């Protein structure tokens, strides 16, 4: 293990655009579903639905959180609807999977999505048996990253010492609360939409455009 990571015993990963490249663009499919949902909910056209979706995402952390706040929607039905997409865009990266499996200690997922969707993604990526648990939006009581409450809940419920944890995330703003409680933070800056929003080097320890070479370097292996 590289010296600056030798103390880590909990490896926490965001899901979308972190464990697979942003160019896979699953969110384009989810965006279509969210637009359809909002059009039906508000009785508006596609343009207004898209503007609403993006505004809620930026202001509330997720579109779901905004819809719950402003319209009181039921989250399970919404998540089932918007996550009903094909996974054909995702490809197995065997080398990346081997690097993740080789990390010493615990491996966890922390996502603003739900566990059912996360399991479909992980299975498609060949990572279905790699992670100990999925800390999802339901576990966070629908208060998404970057709200600090979800990070605190993750650490408390799953006995994670944040000073011995590393957090990998494509949305820079979601690293700020992790750094505040002592986590080592890694920004996977691979082109996610609004990935650099509220970016600041003070709360980012490392930056990489792809997990595979970064993890290889930590493990002292070839990419």
Foldseek 3Di string as FASTA:
>chain_A
DPPVQVLAAEEEEEFPCFLFNCVLVPVVQLLVQQLVVQCVVPVDDSVVSSVLQVVCCVPQVHSLLSCCVPPVDDPPVSLVRSLPDDPVSDAADPLLLVLLQPDHHAYEYEYQHDPVSRLVNCVRRVNNPRHPYYQYCVVLVNRHPPPLSSVVSCCVVVVNQLLNYEYEEQAQRSQQSSVVSRHAYEHQPQPHDNSCPVHDVVRHNYYHVHSNCVSCVVVVHHD
